[in-house]
Amino acid sequence: MCKSELFLRTAECVCIVSGVNKGDLLSGCKRMEVVDARSMLCKILYDIGFYPGEIGRYINKTSACVRFLLSDFERRRKVNKILDTYMQNIHKQLANNFSDC
């Protein structure tokens, strides 16, 4: 599976679980729930092997912005406990989504 397909499936899953629409996720929107969703997307993509520069190109952000989202993720998680639940649900969804590959 190519990286663009991995990105699309992951972004779709993040949108479904978090309730944030894809347009907001990939925009400059700074509402807390959108930035949380964007942070989850970056974290998951990074964990599966995407480089910050690649992630940035997919989400229309600089690699510095992506690195900040990654480094700040744990703090966001501590402040907003629902992120743990979201991450678990996203990982389950992705496992089911990729099991047919």
C-alpha atoms as a PDB file:
ATOM      1  CA  MET A   1       0.000   0.000   0.000  1.00  0.00           C
ATOM      2  CA  CYS A   2       1.418   3.390  -0.967  1.00  0.00           C
ATOM      3  CA  LYS A   3       1.894   6.229   1.485  1.00  0.00           C
ATOM      4  CA  SER A   4      -0.842   8.366  -0.033  1.00  0.00           C
ATOM      5  CA  GLU A   5      -3.361   5.582   0.557  1.00  0.00           C
ATOM      6  CA  LEU A   6      -2.074   5.069   4.107  1.00  0.00           C
ATOM      7  CA  PHE A   7      -2.489   8.788   4.710  1.00  0.00           C
ATOM      8  CA  LEU A   8      -6.029   8.880   3.303  1.00  0.00           C
ATOM      9  CA  ARG A   9      -7.204   5.891   5.336  1.00  0.00           C
ATOM     10  CA  THR A  10      -5.607   7.205   8.500  1.00  0.00           C
ATOM     11  CA  ALA A  11      -7.004  10.712   8.044  1.00  0.00           C
ATOM     12  CA  GLU A  12     -10.465   9.306   7.361  1.00  0.00           C
ATOM     13  CA  CYS A  13     -10.289   7.199  10.511  1.00  0.00           C
ATOM     14  CA  VAL A  14      -9.156  10.175  12.622  1.00  0.00           C
ATOM     15  CA  CYS A  15     -12.058  12.230  11.247  1.00  0.00           C
ATOM     16  CA  ILE A  16     -14.626   9.539  12.009  1.00  0.00           C
ATOM     17  CA  VAL A  17     -13.410   8.905  15.555  1.00  0.00           C
ATOM     18  CA  SER A  18     -12.803  12.541  16.518  1.00  0.00           C
ATOM     19  CA  GLY A  19     -15.844  14.004  14.770  1.00  0.00           C
ATOM     20  CA  VAL A  20     -13.699  16.591  12.979  1.00  0.00           C
ATOM     21  CA  ASN A  21     -14.339  16.998   9.264  1.00  0.00           C
ATOM     22  CA  LYS A  22     -11.490  16.490   6.816  1.00  0.00           C
ATOM     23  CA  GLY A  23     -11.651  20.067   5.565  1.00  0.00           C
ATOM     24  CA  ASP A  24     -10.993  21.410   9.051  1.00  0.00           C
ATOM     25  CA  LEU A  25      -8.347  18.767   9.759  1.00  0.00           C
ATOM     26  CA  LEU A  26      -6.303  19.831   6.734  1.00  0.00           C
ATOM     27  CA  SER A  27      -6.918  23.565   7.143  1.00  0.00           C
ATOM     28  CA  GLY A  28      -5.389  26.199   9.368  1.00  0.00           C
ATOM     29  CA  CYS A  29      -8.247  25.887  11.869  1.00  0.00           C
ATOM     30  CA  LYS A  30      -6.988  26.346  15.439  1.00  0.00           C
ATOM     31  CA  ARG A  31      -9.997  25.127  17.429  1.00  0.00           C
ATOM     32  CA  MET A  32      -8.788  22.818  20.184  1.00  0.00           C
ATOM     33  CA  GLU A  33     -10.638  19.734  18.900  1.00  0.00           C
ATOM     34  CA  VAL A  34      -9.221  20.243  15.404  1.00  0.00           C
ATOM     35  CA  VAL A  35      -5.645  20.683  16.616  1.00  0.00           C
ATOM     36  CA  ASP A  36      -6.076  17.607  18.829  1.00  0.00           C
ATOM     37  CA  ALA A  37      -7.243  15.597  15.809  1.00  0.00           C
ATOM     38  CA  ARG A  38      -4.387  16.955  13.684  1.00  0.00           C
ATOM     39  CA  SER A  39      -1.945  16.005  16.462  1.00  0.00           C
ATOM     40  CA  MET A  40      -3.340  12.457  16.575  1.00  0.00           C
ATOM     41  CA  LEU A  41      -3.025  12.165  12.802  1.00  0.00           C
ATOM     42  CA  CYS A  42       0.603  13.337  12.911  1.00  0.00           C
ATOM     43  CA  LYS A  43       1.443  10.994  15.787  1.00  0.00           C
ATOM     44  CA  ILE A  44      -0.047   7.949  14.081  1.00  0.00           C
ATOM     45  CA  LEU A  45       1.590   8.721  10.731  1.00  0.00           C
ATOM     46  CA  TYR A  46       4.948   9.307  12.416  1.00  0.00           C
ATOM     47  CA  ASP A  47       4.642   6.064  14.367  1.00  0.00           C
ATOM     48  CA  ILE A  48       4.056   4.079  11.177  1.00  0.00           C
ATOM     49  CA  GLY A  49       7.105   5.563   9.477  1.00  0.00           C
ATOM     50  CA  PHE A  50       6.222   8.869   7.843  1.00  0.00           C
ATOM     51  CA  TYR A  51       8.813  11.641   8.098  1.00  0.00           C
ATOM     52  CA  PRO A  52       7.729  15.055   9.453  1.00  0.00           C
ATOM     53  CA  GLY A  53       8.318  16.639   6.038  1.00  0.00           C
ATOM     54  CA  GLU A  54       6.071  14.085   4.353  1.00  0.00           C
ATOM     55  CA  ILE A  55       3.348  14.554   6.939  1.00  0.00           C
ATOM     56  CA  GLY A  56       3.615  18.306   6.483  1.00  0.00           C
ATOM     57  CA  ARG A  57       3.090  18.021   2.739  1.00  0.00           C
ATOM     58  CA  TYR A  58      -0.021  15.892   3.251  1.00  0.00           C
ATOM     59  CA  ILE A  59      -1.581  18.202   5.860  1.00  0.00           C
ATOM     60  CA  ASN A  60      -0.411  21.507   4.336  1.00  0.00           C
ATOM     61  CA  LYS A  61       1.865  22.388   7.263  1.00  0.00           C
ATOM     62  CA  THR A  62       5.601  22.927   7.597  1.00  0.00           C
ATOM     63  CA  SER A  63       7.808  20.149   8.920  1.00  0.00           C
ATOM     64  CA  ALA A  64       8.553  22.423  11.904  1.00  0.00           C
ATOM     65  CA  CYS A  65       4.826  22.593  12.654  1.00  0.00           C
ATOM     66  CA  VAL A  66       4.591  18.797  12.452  1.00  0.00           C
ATOM     67  CA  ARG A  67       7.608  18.373  14.747  1.00  0.00           C
ATOM     68  CA  PHE A  68       5.959  20.735  17.251  1.00  0.00           C
ATOM     69  CA  LEU A  69       2.682  18.773  17.117  1.00  0.00           C
ATOM     70  CA  LEU A  70       4.641  15.565  17.722  1.00  0.00           C
ATOM     71  CA  SER A  71       6.685  16.940  20.607  1.00  0.00           C
ATOM     72  CA  ASP A  72       3.590  18.520  22.202  1.00  0.00           C
ATOM     73  CA  PHE A  73       1.395  15.445  21.813  1.00  0.00           C
ATOM     74  CA  GLU A  74       1.952  13.997  25.297  1.00  0.00           C
ATOM     75  CA  ARG A  75       1.110  17.326  26.925  1.00  0.00           C
ATOM     76  CA  ARG A  76      -2.109  17.542  24.891  1.00  0.00           C
ATOM     77  CA  ARG A  77      -2.919  13.977  25.951  1.00  0.00           C
ATOM     78  CA  LYS A  78      -2.511  14.822  29.644  1.00  0.00           C
ATOM     79  CA  VAL A  79      -4.711  17.915  29.316  1.00  0.00           C
ATOM     80  CA  ASN A  80      -7.438  16.222  27.282  1.00  0.00           C
ATOM     81  CA  LYS A  81      -8.044  12.665  28.527  1.00  0.00           C
ATOM     82  CA  ILE A  82     -10.447  11.817  25.671  1.00  0.00           C
ATOM     83  CA  LEU A  83      -7.409  11.601  23.365  1.00  0.00           C
ATOM     84  CA  ASP A  84      -6.471   8.261  24.935  1.00  0.00           C
ATOM     85  CA  THR A  85      -9.884   6.862  24.071  1.00  0.00           C
ATOM     86  CA  TYR A  86      -9.732   8.348  20.572  1.00  0.00           C
ATOM     87  CA  MET A  87      -6.269   6.868  19.967  1.00  0.00           C
ATOM     88  CA  GLN A  88      -7.414   3.413  21.089  1.00  0.00           C
ATOM     89  CA  ASN A  89     -10.455   3.598  18.806  1.00  0.00           C
ATOM     90  CA  ILE A  90      -8.384   4.845  15.876  1.00  0.00           C
ATOM     91  CA  HIS A  91      -5.881   2.009  16.301  1.00  0.00           C
ATOM     92  CA  LYS A  92      -8.744  -0.531  16.398  1.00  0.00           C
ATOM     93  CA  GLN A  93     -10.350   0.999  13.304  1.00  0.00           C
ATOM     94  CA  LEU A  94      -7.046   1.007  11.433  1.00  0.00           C
ATOM     95  CA  ALA A  95      -6.330  -2.607  12.399  1.00  0.00           C
ATOM     96  CA  ASN A  96      -9.727  -3.607  11.009  1.00  0.00           C
ATOM     97  CA  ASN A  97      -9.313  -1.376   7.961  1.00  0.00           C
ATOM     98  CA  PHE A  98      -5.892  -2.810   7.046  1.00  0.00           C
ATOM     99  CA  SER A  99      -6.673  -6.448   7.813  1.00  0.00           C
ATOM    100  CA  ASP A 100      -8.137  -6.883   4.325  1.00  0.00           C
ATOM    101  CA  CYS A 101      -4.876  -5.779   2.630  1.00  0.00           C
END
